[in-house]
Amino acid sequence: MKECKAPNNYDTSDTYPIIFLAGSIEMGKAEQWQKRVVDMLKKDNGLLLNPRRDDWDSTWKQSITNEQFRLQVNWELKGMEEADYVIMYFAPDTKSPITLLELGMLSQRAKTKLLVCCPNGFWRKGNVEIVCARYRVFMFNDLETLIANLKSRIY
């Protein structure tokens, strides 16, 4: 799979599947789980949209008035909207408030394309489990099982 990192442009006209990697980043505190997913899917066809950018600057003001921040958030929103599948990962050692926000956003309207991984140890796993159960979102305890399920859907 090809990987496109934020905020780079990408072409969706001739690509399937498009997979967005939503989940814990927390200003660089979260494990590099996106790299694990890229490695697991590297031999497959498609496009991975990865919001973890190489040039992130944690001093950027998180405000609509900050052009860099606004570009990042809009890239992510567009990517989730255009994706065929959204992988969402909750790293156990994080709070992941934005990922929780995205789960709320996507759980009702995009439940058929949302695959959630919430390992034991995530501080709000119970909330994630209840949301996923209520809205029939597929939830997994580890990335390997999630990726196996994703591959069974695609191929």
C-alpha atoms as a PDB file:
ATOM      1  CA  MET A   1       0.000   0.000   0.000  1.00  0.00           C
ATOM      2  CA  LYS A   2       1.038   3.513  -0.623  1.00  0.00           C
ATOM      3  CA  GLU A   3       1.175   5.814   2.372  1.00  0.00           C
ATOM      4  CA  CYS A   4       0.309   9.499   2.303  1.00  0.00           C
ATOM      5  CA  LYS A   5       1.082  11.557   5.380  1.00  0.00           C
ATOM      6  CA  ALA A   6      -0.606  14.805   6.313  1.00  0.00           C
ATOM      7  CA  PRO A   7      -0.756  17.406   4.909  1.00  0.00           C
ATOM      8  CA  ASN A   8       0.257  16.027   1.490  1.00  0.00           C
ATOM      9  CA  ASN A   9      -2.208  15.810  -1.382  1.00  0.00           C
ATOM     10  CA  TYR A  10      -3.389  12.436  -2.642  1.00  0.00           C
ATOM     11  CA  ASP A  11      -5.425  11.103  -5.550  1.00  0.00           C
ATOM     12  CA  THR A  12      -8.463   8.936  -4.805  1.00  0.00           C
ATOM     13  CA  SER A  13      -9.722   8.583  -8.368  1.00  0.00           C
ATOM     14  CA  ASP A  14      -8.084   5.236  -9.122  1.00  0.00           C
ATOM     15  CA  THR A  15      -7.341   3.789  -5.693  1.00  0.00           C
ATOM     16  CA  TYR A  16      -9.064   1.115  -3.636  1.00  0.00           C
ATOM     17  CA  PRO A  17      -9.166   0.726  -0.763  1.00  0.00           C
ATOM     18  CA  ILE A  18      -8.473   4.046   0.923  1.00  0.00           C
ATOM     19  CA  ILE A  19      -7.805   3.518   4.628  1.00  0.00           C
ATOM     20  CA  PHE A  20      -7.564   6.356   7.128  1.00  0.00           C
ATOM     21  CA  LEU A  21      -5.458   5.795  10.253  1.00  0.00           C
ATOM     22  CA  ALA A  22      -7.367   7.562  13.014  1.00  0.00           C
ATOM     23  CA  GLY A  23      -6.268   7.228  16.584  1.00  0.00           C
ATOM     24  CA  SER A  24      -3.881   8.076  19.349  1.00  0.00           C
ATOM     25  CA  ILE A  25      -1.051  10.454  18.538  1.00  0.00           C
ATOM     26  CA  GLU A  26      -1.338  12.838  21.483  1.00  0.00           C
ATOM     27  CA  MET A  27       1.348  15.255  20.347  1.00  0.00           C
ATOM     28  CA  GLY A  28       3.835  12.419  19.824  1.00  0.00           C
ATOM     29  CA  LYS A  29       3.275  10.674  23.181  1.00  0.00           C
ATOM     30  CA  ALA A  30       1.525   7.634  21.692  1.00  0.00           C
ATOM     31  CA  GLU A  31       3.387   4.640  20.353  1.00  0.00           C
ATOM     32  CA  GLN A  32       4.055   4.620  16.599  1.00  0.00           C
ATOM     33  CA  TRP A  33       1.120   2.293  15.938  1.00  0.00           C
ATOM     34  CA  GLN A  34       0.637   3.735  12.451  1.00  0.00           C
ATOM     35  CA  LYS A  35       4.017   2.290  11.423  1.00  0.00           C
ATOM     36  CA  ARG A  36       2.882  -1.144  12.607  1.00  0.00           C
ATOM     37  CA  VAL A  37      -0.228  -0.899  10.420  1.00  0.00           C
ATOM     38  CA  VAL A  38       1.796   0.329   7.420  1.00  0.00           C
ATOM     39  CA  ASP A  39       4.132  -2.665   7.858  1.00  0.00           C
ATOM     40  CA  MET A  40       1.209  -5.121   8.096  1.00  0.00           C
ATOM     41  CA  LEU A  41      -0.359  -3.765   4.881  1.00  0.00           C
ATOM     42  CA  LYS A  42       2.748  -2.955   2.833  1.00  0.00           C
ATOM     43  CA  LYS A  43       2.220  -5.838   0.374  1.00  0.00           C
ATOM     44  CA  ASP A  44      -1.433  -4.986  -0.275  1.00  0.00           C
ATOM     45  CA  ASN A  45      -2.978  -2.581  -2.779  1.00  0.00           C
ATOM     46  CA  GLY A  46      -4.511   0.695  -1.730  1.00  0.00           C
ATOM     47  CA  LEU A  47      -3.774   3.985  -0.029  1.00  0.00           C
ATOM     48  CA  LEU A  48      -3.154   4.618   3.660  1.00  0.00           C
ATOM     49  CA  LEU A  49      -3.878   8.137   4.876  1.00  0.00           C
ATOM     50  CA  ASN A  50      -1.677   8.810   7.881  1.00  0.00           C
ATOM     51  CA  PRO A  51      -2.276  12.001   9.896  1.00  0.00           C
ATOM     52  CA  ARG A  52       0.987  11.578  11.860  1.00  0.00           C
ATOM     53  CA  ARG A  53       3.114  14.107  10.058  1.00  0.00           C
ATOM     54  CA  ASP A  54       6.890  14.220  10.064  1.00  0.00           C
ATOM     55  CA  ASP A  55       7.067  17.981  10.545  1.00  0.00           C
ATOM     56  CA  TRP A  56       4.537  18.456  13.361  1.00  0.00           C
ATOM     57  CA  ASP A  57       5.376  21.361  15.636  1.00  0.00           C
ATOM     58  CA  SER A  58       3.820  21.070  19.098  1.00  0.00           C
ATOM     59  CA  THR A  59       4.142  24.830  19.575  1.00  0.00           C
ATOM     60  CA  TRP A  60       1.485  25.521  16.940  1.00  0.00           C
ATOM     61  CA  LYS A  61      -1.526  27.170  18.491  1.00  0.00           C
ATOM     62  CA  GLN A  62      -4.501  24.838  18.237  1.00  0.00           C
ATOM     63  CA  SER A  63      -6.870  27.415  16.837  1.00  0.00           C
ATOM     64  CA  ILE A  64      -8.886  27.942  13.685  1.00  0.00           C
ATOM     65  CA  THR A  65      -6.814  31.077  13.179  1.00  0.00           C
ATOM     66  CA  ASN A  66      -3.600  29.038  12.886  1.00  0.00           C
ATOM     67  CA  GLU A  67      -3.202  28.116   9.217  1.00  0.00           C
ATOM     68  CA  GLN A  68      -0.994  25.049   9.848  1.00  0.00           C
ATOM     69  CA  PHE A  69      -3.340  23.637  12.478  1.00  0.00           C
ATOM     70  CA  ARG A  70      -6.450  24.341  10.387  1.00  0.00           C
ATOM     71  CA  LEU A  71      -4.807  22.614   7.384  1.00  0.00           C
ATOM     72  CA  GLN A  72      -4.038  19.539   9.518  1.00  0.00           C
ATOM     73  CA  VAL A  73      -7.531  19.181  10.953  1.00  0.00           C
ATOM     74  CA  ASN A  74      -9.213  19.733   7.587  1.00  0.00           C
ATOM     75  CA  TRP A  75      -6.881  17.154   5.969  1.00  0.00           C
ATOM     76  CA  GLU A  76      -7.926  14.657   8.617  1.00  0.00           C
ATOM     77  CA  LEU A  77     -11.655  15.381   8.279  1.00  0.00           C
ATOM     78  CA  LYS A  78     -11.479  15.107   4.490  1.00  0.00           C
ATOM     79  CA  GLY A  79      -9.506  11.859   4.745  1.00  0.00           C
ATOM     80  CA  MET A  80     -12.030  10.258   7.077  1.00  0.00           C
ATOM     81  CA  GLU A  81     -14.873  11.317   4.782  1.00  0.00           C
ATOM     82  CA  GLU A  82     -13.190   9.943   1.641  1.00  0.00           C
ATOM     83  CA  ALA A  83     -11.878   6.706   3.160  1.00  0.00           C
ATOM     84  CA  ASP A  84     -13.408   3.340   2.427  1.00  0.00           C
ATOM     85  CA  TYR A  85     -12.302   2.239   5.898  1.00  0.00           C
ATOM     86  CA  VAL A  86     -11.229   4.081   9.031  1.00  0.00           C
ATOM     87  CA  ILE A  87      -8.973   2.254  11.458  1.00  0.00           C
ATOM     88  CA  MET A  88      -9.221   3.808  14.902  1.00  0.00           C
ATOM     89  CA  TYR A  89      -6.684   2.908  17.596  1.00  0.00           C
ATOM     90  CA  PHE A  90      -6.791   3.872  21.279  1.00  0.00           C
ATOM     91  CA  ALA A  91      -3.288   3.554  22.764  1.00  0.00           C
ATOM     92  CA  PRO A  92      -3.483   2.377  26.394  1.00  0.00           C
ATOM     93  CA  ASP A  93      -1.007   4.974  27.681  1.00  0.00           C
ATOM     94  CA  THR A  94      -2.932   7.972  26.305  1.00  0.00           C
ATOM     95  CA  LYS A  95      -6.110   9.943  26.969  1.00  0.00           C
ATOM     96  CA  SER A  96      -6.811  10.438  23.216  1.00  0.00           C
ATOM     97  CA  PRO A  97      -9.487  13.141  23.446  1.00  0.00           C
ATOM     98  CA  ILE A  98      -9.505  13.781  19.697  1.00  0.00           C
ATOM     99  CA  THR A  99      -9.859  10.061  18.951  1.00  0.00           C
ATOM    100  CA  LEU A 100     -12.810   9.910  21.340  1.00  0.00           C
ATOM    101  CA  LEU A 101     -14.299  12.890  19.490  1.00  0.00           C
ATOM    102  CA  GLU A 102     -13.796  11.114  16.164  1.00  0.00           C
ATOM    103  CA  LEU A 103     -15.399   7.926  17.522  1.00  0.00           C
ATOM    104  CA  GLY A 104     -18.467   9.968  18.419  1.00  0.00           C
ATOM    105  CA  MET A 105     -18.459  11.610  14.995  1.00  0.00           C
ATOM    106  CA  LEU A 106     -18.139   8.396  12.999  1.00  0.00           C
ATOM    107  CA  SER A 107     -19.941   5.771  15.082  1.00  0.00           C
ATOM    108  CA  GLN A 108     -23.417   6.559  13.781  1.00  0.00           C
ATOM    109  CA  ARG A 109     -22.849   7.734  10.235  1.00  0.00           C
ATOM    110  CA  ALA A 110     -19.848   5.673   9.165  1.00  0.00           C
ATOM    111  CA  LYS A 111     -20.202   2.550  11.260  1.00  0.00           C
ATOM    112  CA  THR A 112     -19.851   0.185   8.307  1.00  0.00           C
ATOM    113  CA  LYS A 113     -16.407   1.518   7.491  1.00  0.00           C
ATOM    114  CA  LEU A 114     -15.140   2.053  11.040  1.00  0.00           C
ATOM    115  CA  LEU A 115     -12.924  -0.579  12.681  1.00  0.00           C
ATOM    116  CA  VAL A 116     -11.900   0.212  16.266  1.00  0.00           C
ATOM    117  CA  CYS A 117      -9.007  -1.222  18.251  1.00  0.00           C
ATOM    118  CA  CYS A 118      -9.140  -0.556  21.979  1.00  0.00           C
ATOM    119  CA  PRO A 119      -6.665  -2.693  23.942  1.00  0.00           C
ATOM    120  CA  ASN A 120      -7.008  -3.436  27.619  1.00  0.00           C
ATOM    121  CA  GLY A 121      -5.587  -0.591  29.664  1.00  0.00           C
ATOM    122  CA  PHE A 122      -7.167   2.288  27.763  1.00  0.00           C
ATOM    123  CA  TRP A 123      -8.609   4.506  30.495  1.00  0.00           C
ATOM    124  CA  ARG A 124     -12.061   4.772  28.890  1.00  0.00           C
ATOM    125  CA  LYS A 125     -12.305   1.328  27.301  1.00  0.00           C
ATOM    126  CA  GLY A 126     -15.745   0.799  28.826  1.00  0.00           C
ATOM    127  CA  ASN A 127     -17.085   3.901  27.094  1.00  0.00           C
ATOM    128  CA  VAL A 128     -15.567   2.803  23.782  1.00  0.00           C
ATOM    129  CA  GLU A 129     -17.048  -0.698  24.175  1.00  0.00           C
ATOM    130  CA  ILE A 130     -20.528   0.673  24.875  1.00  0.00           C
ATOM    131  CA  VAL A 131     -20.477   3.095  21.922  1.00  0.00           C
ATOM    132  CA  CYS A 132     -19.247   0.354  19.590  1.00  0.00           C
ATOM    133  CA  ALA A 133     -21.854  -2.129  20.843  1.00  0.00           C
ATOM    134  CA  ARG A 134     -24.699   0.371  20.651  1.00  0.00           C
ATOM    135  CA  TYR A 135     -23.909   1.474  17.086  1.00  0.00           C
ATOM    136  CA  ARG A 136     -22.695  -1.934  15.858  1.00  0.00           C
ATOM    137  CA  VAL A 137     -19.146  -0.773  15.203  1.00  0.00           C
ATOM    138  CA  PHE A 138     -16.592  -3.566  14.947  1.00  0.00           C
ATOM    139  CA  MET A 139     -14.178  -3.452  17.880  1.00  0.00           C
ATOM    140  CA  PHE A 140     -10.991  -5.433  18.441  1.00  0.00           C
ATOM    141  CA  ASN A 141      -8.515  -5.799  21.309  1.00  0.00           C
ATOM    142  CA  ASP A 142      -5.392  -5.824  19.110  1.00  0.00           C
ATOM    143  CA  LEU A 143      -4.260  -4.418  15.785  1.00  0.00           C
ATOM    144  CA  GLU A 144      -3.355  -7.803  14.310  1.00  0.00           C
ATOM    145  CA  THR A 145      -6.940  -9.078  14.621  1.00  0.00           C
ATOM    146  CA  LEU A 146      -8.308  -5.788  13.277  1.00  0.00           C
ATOM    147  CA  ILE A 147      -6.013  -5.978  10.224  1.00  0.00           C
ATOM    148  CA  ALA A 148      -7.000  -9.611   9.582  1.00  0.00           C
ATOM    149  CA  ASN A 149     -10.660  -8.557   9.652  1.00  0.00           C
ATOM    150  CA  LEU A 150      -9.948  -5.619   7.342  1.00  0.00           C
ATOM    151  CA  LYS A 151      -8.199  -7.894   4.829  1.00  0.00           C
ATOM    152  CA  SER A 152     -11.143 -10.321   4.883  1.00  0.00           C
ATOM    153  CA  ARG A 153     -13.447  -7.423   3.943  1.00  0.00           C
ATOM    154  CA  ILE A 154     -11.263  -6.154   1.138  1.00  0.00           C
ATOM    155  CA  TYR A 155     -10.065  -9.377  -0.500  1.00  0.00           C
END
